Amino acid sequence: MVLLLGRSLLLAGVAASLGGCDGARVTRAATWLEAMAQLAEQTPDVIIFDLANANESHLLPLVLQNPRLVLVGLDAERNQAVLVSGQSAQALTMAQLREIVERRDVGRTE
């Protein structure tokens, strides 16, 4: 399930696009408060939101409580998508940390 969070024109376009995908289950919430109410009932796989209207203080607790949840923040001005995930990896040595960074392409500027 995909939850679209916000009222922006950008998200309306995403809703229209995802609505045409076979098997895609898309729900909408206009505000974080509405999103929290929906999360109490069912946790989506992905939450897509407009970064221009985001309240970042909600992001970290949300992903920490739902480690499998992926947040996708869309930035129309920069033509970017920012992914936030609660998934973690254990890094005990610098070699392991380097491996995690290389595997995830951290810092990539594409």
C-alpha atoms as a PDB file:
ATOM      1  CA  MET A   1       0.000   0.000   0.000  1.00  0.00           C
ATOM      2  CA  VAL A   2       1.159   3.534  -0.818  1.00  0.00           C
ATOM      3  CA  LEU A   3       0.073   6.517   1.258  1.00  0.00           C
ATOM      4  CA  LEU A   4       0.248   9.921  -0.420  1.00  0.00           C
ATOM      5  CA  LEU A   5       0.664  12.615   2.203  1.00  0.00           C
ATOM      6  CA  GLY A   6      -0.311  16.175   1.345  1.00  0.00           C
ATOM      7  CA  ARG A   7      -2.453  18.252  -0.967  1.00  0.00           C
ATOM      8  CA  SER A   8       0.045  19.524  -3.526  1.00  0.00           C
ATOM      9  CA  LEU A   9      -0.428  19.454  -7.270  1.00  0.00           C
ATOM     10  CA  LEU A  10       2.683  17.282  -7.458  1.00  0.00           C
ATOM     11  CA  LEU A  11       1.031  14.611  -5.297  1.00  0.00           C
ATOM     12  CA  ALA A  12      -2.179  14.846  -7.307  1.00  0.00           C
ATOM     13  CA  GLY A  13      -0.120  13.934 -10.366  1.00  0.00           C
ATOM     14  CA  VAL A  14       1.513  11.052  -8.511  1.00  0.00           C
ATOM     15  CA  ALA A  15      -1.925   9.816  -7.423  1.00  0.00           C
ATOM     16  CA  ALA A  16      -3.184   9.872 -11.005  1.00  0.00           C
ATOM     17  CA  SER A  17      -0.101   8.051 -12.226  1.00  0.00           C
ATOM     18  CA  LEU A  18      -0.150   5.372  -9.526  1.00  0.00           C
ATOM     19  CA  GLY A  19      -3.896   4.936  -9.885  1.00  0.00           C
ATOM     20  CA  GLY A  20      -3.304   3.460 -13.317  1.00  0.00           C
ATOM     21  CA  CYS A  21      -0.896   0.785 -12.040  1.00  0.00           C
ATOM     22  CA  ASP A  22      -2.262  -2.738 -11.775  1.00  0.00           C
ATOM     23  CA  GLY A  23      -2.458  -3.882  -8.180  1.00  0.00           C
ATOM     24  CA  ALA A  24      -1.416  -0.531  -6.744  1.00  0.00           C
ATOM     25  CA  ARG A  25      -3.351   0.349  -3.614  1.00  0.00           C
ATOM     26  CA  VAL A  26      -3.095   4.067  -3.015  1.00  0.00           C
ATOM     27  CA  THR A  27      -4.587   6.008  -0.118  1.00  0.00           C
ATOM     28  CA  ARG A  28      -4.359   9.711   0.657  1.00  0.00           C
ATOM     29  CA  ALA A  29      -3.965  11.856   3.748  1.00  0.00           C
ATOM     30  CA  ALA A  30      -4.030  15.640   3.598  1.00  0.00           C
ATOM     31  CA  THR A  31      -2.081  16.180   6.855  1.00  0.00           C
ATOM     32  CA  TRP A  32       0.338  14.375   9.173  1.00  0.00           C
ATOM     33  CA  LEU A  33      -2.504  14.084  11.667  1.00  0.00           C
ATOM     34  CA  GLU A  34      -4.631  12.234   9.122  1.00  0.00           C
ATOM     35  CA  ALA A  35      -1.628  10.092   8.194  1.00  0.00           C
ATOM     36  CA  MET A  36      -1.084   9.122  11.840  1.00  0.00           C
ATOM     37  CA  ALA A  37      -4.729   8.079  12.130  1.00  0.00           C
ATOM     38  CA  GLN A  38      -4.342   5.883   9.054  1.00  0.00           C
ATOM     39  CA  LEU A  39      -1.081   4.432  10.372  1.00  0.00           C
ATOM     40  CA  ALA A  40      -2.892   3.380  13.540  1.00  0.00           C
ATOM     41  CA  GLU A  41      -5.145   1.208  11.374  1.00  0.00           C
ATOM     42  CA  GLN A  42      -2.672  -0.085   8.787  1.00  0.00           C
ATOM     43  CA  THR A  43       0.963   0.579   7.970  1.00  0.00           C
ATOM     44  CA  PRO A  44       1.667   1.325   4.317  1.00  0.00           C
ATOM     45  CA  ASP A  45       4.787   0.080   2.550  1.00  0.00           C
ATOM     46  CA  VAL A  46       5.615   3.540   1.235  1.00  0.00           C
ATOM     47  CA  ILE A  47       4.641   7.090   2.150  1.00  0.00           C
ATOM     48  CA  ILE A  48       5.169   9.660  -0.590  1.00  0.00           C
ATOM     49  CA  PHE A  49       5.125  13.336   0.390  1.00  0.00           C
ATOM     50  CA  ASP A  50       6.063  16.735  -1.024  1.00  0.00           C
ATOM     51  CA  LEU A  51       9.283  17.966   0.600  1.00  0.00           C
ATOM     52  CA  ALA A  52       8.149  21.571   0.171  1.00  0.00           C
ATOM     53  CA  ASN A  53       5.332  20.933   2.654  1.00  0.00           C
ATOM     54  CA  ALA A  54       7.015  18.410   4.934  1.00  0.00           C
ATOM     55  CA  ASN A  55       7.406  18.649   8.688  1.00  0.00           C
ATOM     56  CA  GLU A  56      10.674  16.801   9.219  1.00  0.00           C
ATOM     57  CA  SER A  57      10.078  16.370  12.954  1.00  0.00           C
ATOM     58  CA  HIS A  58       7.627  13.564  12.125  1.00  0.00           C
ATOM     59  CA  LEU A  59      10.006  11.598   9.900  1.00  0.00           C
ATOM     60  CA  LEU A  60      12.496  10.020  12.288  1.00  0.00           C
ATOM     61  CA  PRO A  61       9.979   8.703  14.837  1.00  0.00           C
ATOM     62  CA  LEU A  62       7.872   7.332  11.996  1.00  0.00           C
ATOM     63  CA  VAL A  63      10.660   5.283  10.433  1.00  0.00           C
ATOM     64  CA  LEU A  64      12.009   4.159  13.796  1.00  0.00           C
ATOM     65  CA  GLN A  65       8.589   2.807  14.761  1.00  0.00           C
ATOM     66  CA  ASN A  66       8.130   1.166  11.333  1.00  0.00           C
ATOM     67  CA  PRO A  67      11.556  -0.064  10.123  1.00  0.00           C
ATOM     68  CA  ARG A  68      10.177  -1.549   6.889  1.00  0.00           C
ATOM     69  CA  LEU A  69       8.464   1.697   5.933  1.00  0.00           C
ATOM     70  CA  VAL A  70      10.055   3.748   3.157  1.00  0.00           C
ATOM     71  CA  LEU A  71       9.412   7.466   2.965  1.00  0.00           C
ATOM     72  CA  VAL A  72       9.820   9.185  -0.389  1.00  0.00           C
ATOM     73  CA  GLY A  73      10.066  12.960  -0.293  1.00  0.00           C
ATOM     74  CA  LEU A  74       9.568  14.601  -3.688  1.00  0.00           C
ATOM     75  CA  ASP A  75      11.256  17.888  -4.516  1.00  0.00           C
ATOM     76  CA  ALA A  76       9.777  19.305  -7.723  1.00  0.00           C
ATOM     77  CA  GLU A  77      12.142  22.311  -7.794  1.00  0.00           C
ATOM     78  CA  ARG A  78      15.281  20.172  -7.807  1.00  0.00           C
ATOM     79  CA  ASN A  79      13.745  17.222  -9.654  1.00  0.00           C
ATOM     80  CA  GLN A  80      14.773  14.886  -6.819  1.00  0.00           C
ATOM     81  CA  ALA A  81      13.352  12.172  -4.629  1.00  0.00           C
ATOM     82  CA  VAL A  82      14.757  11.718  -1.120  1.00  0.00           C
ATOM     83  CA  LEU A  83      14.384   8.259   0.415  1.00  0.00           C
ATOM     84  CA  VAL A  84      14.203   7.771   4.174  1.00  0.00           C
ATOM     85  CA  SER A  85      14.141   4.296   5.649  1.00  0.00           C
ATOM     86  CA  GLY A  86      14.246   2.813   9.130  1.00  0.00           C
ATOM     87  CA  GLN A  87      16.232  -0.144   7.874  1.00  0.00           C
ATOM     88  CA  SER A  88      19.569  -0.446   9.568  1.00  0.00           C
ATOM     89  CA  ALA A  89      22.820  -2.296   9.218  1.00  0.00           C
ATOM     90  CA  GLN A  90      25.247  -3.224  11.939  1.00  0.00           C
ATOM     91  CA  ALA A  91      28.706  -1.697  11.534  1.00  0.00           C
ATOM     92  CA  LEU A  92      31.276  -2.840  14.026  1.00  0.00           C
ATOM     93  CA  THR A  93      34.473  -1.926  12.183  1.00  0.00           C
ATOM     94  CA  MET A  94      35.533   0.774   9.737  1.00  0.00           C
ATOM     95  CA  ALA A  95      35.757  -1.868   7.008  1.00  0.00           C
ATOM     96  CA  GLN A  96      32.122  -2.837   7.623  1.00  0.00           C
ATOM     97  CA  LEU A  97      31.053   0.813   7.620  1.00  0.00           C
ATOM     98  CA  ARG A  98      32.914   1.377   4.341  1.00  0.00           C
ATOM     99  CA  GLU A  99      31.152  -1.664   2.856  1.00  0.00           C
ATOM    100  CA  ILE A 100      27.742  -0.301   3.868  1.00  0.00           C
ATOM    101  CA  VAL A 101      28.542   3.096   2.339  1.00  0.00           C
ATOM    102  CA  GLU A 102      29.789   1.558  -0.906  1.00  0.00           C
ATOM    103  CA  ARG A 103      26.843  -0.832  -1.170  1.00  0.00           C
ATOM    104  CA  ARG A 104      24.320   1.986  -0.749  1.00  0.00           C
ATOM    105  CA  ASP A 105      26.187   4.510  -2.925  1.00  0.00           C
ATOM    106  CA  VAL A 106      25.981   7.103  -0.152  1.00  0.00           C
ATOM    107  CA  GLY A 107      26.889  10.531  -1.428  1.00  0.00           C
ATOM    108  CA  ARG A 108      26.086   9.726  -5.051  1.00  0.00           C
ATOM    109  CA  THR A 109      25.159  12.895  -6.920  1.00  0.00           C
ATOM    110  CA  GLU A 110      23.158  11.563  -9.868  1.00  0.00           C
END
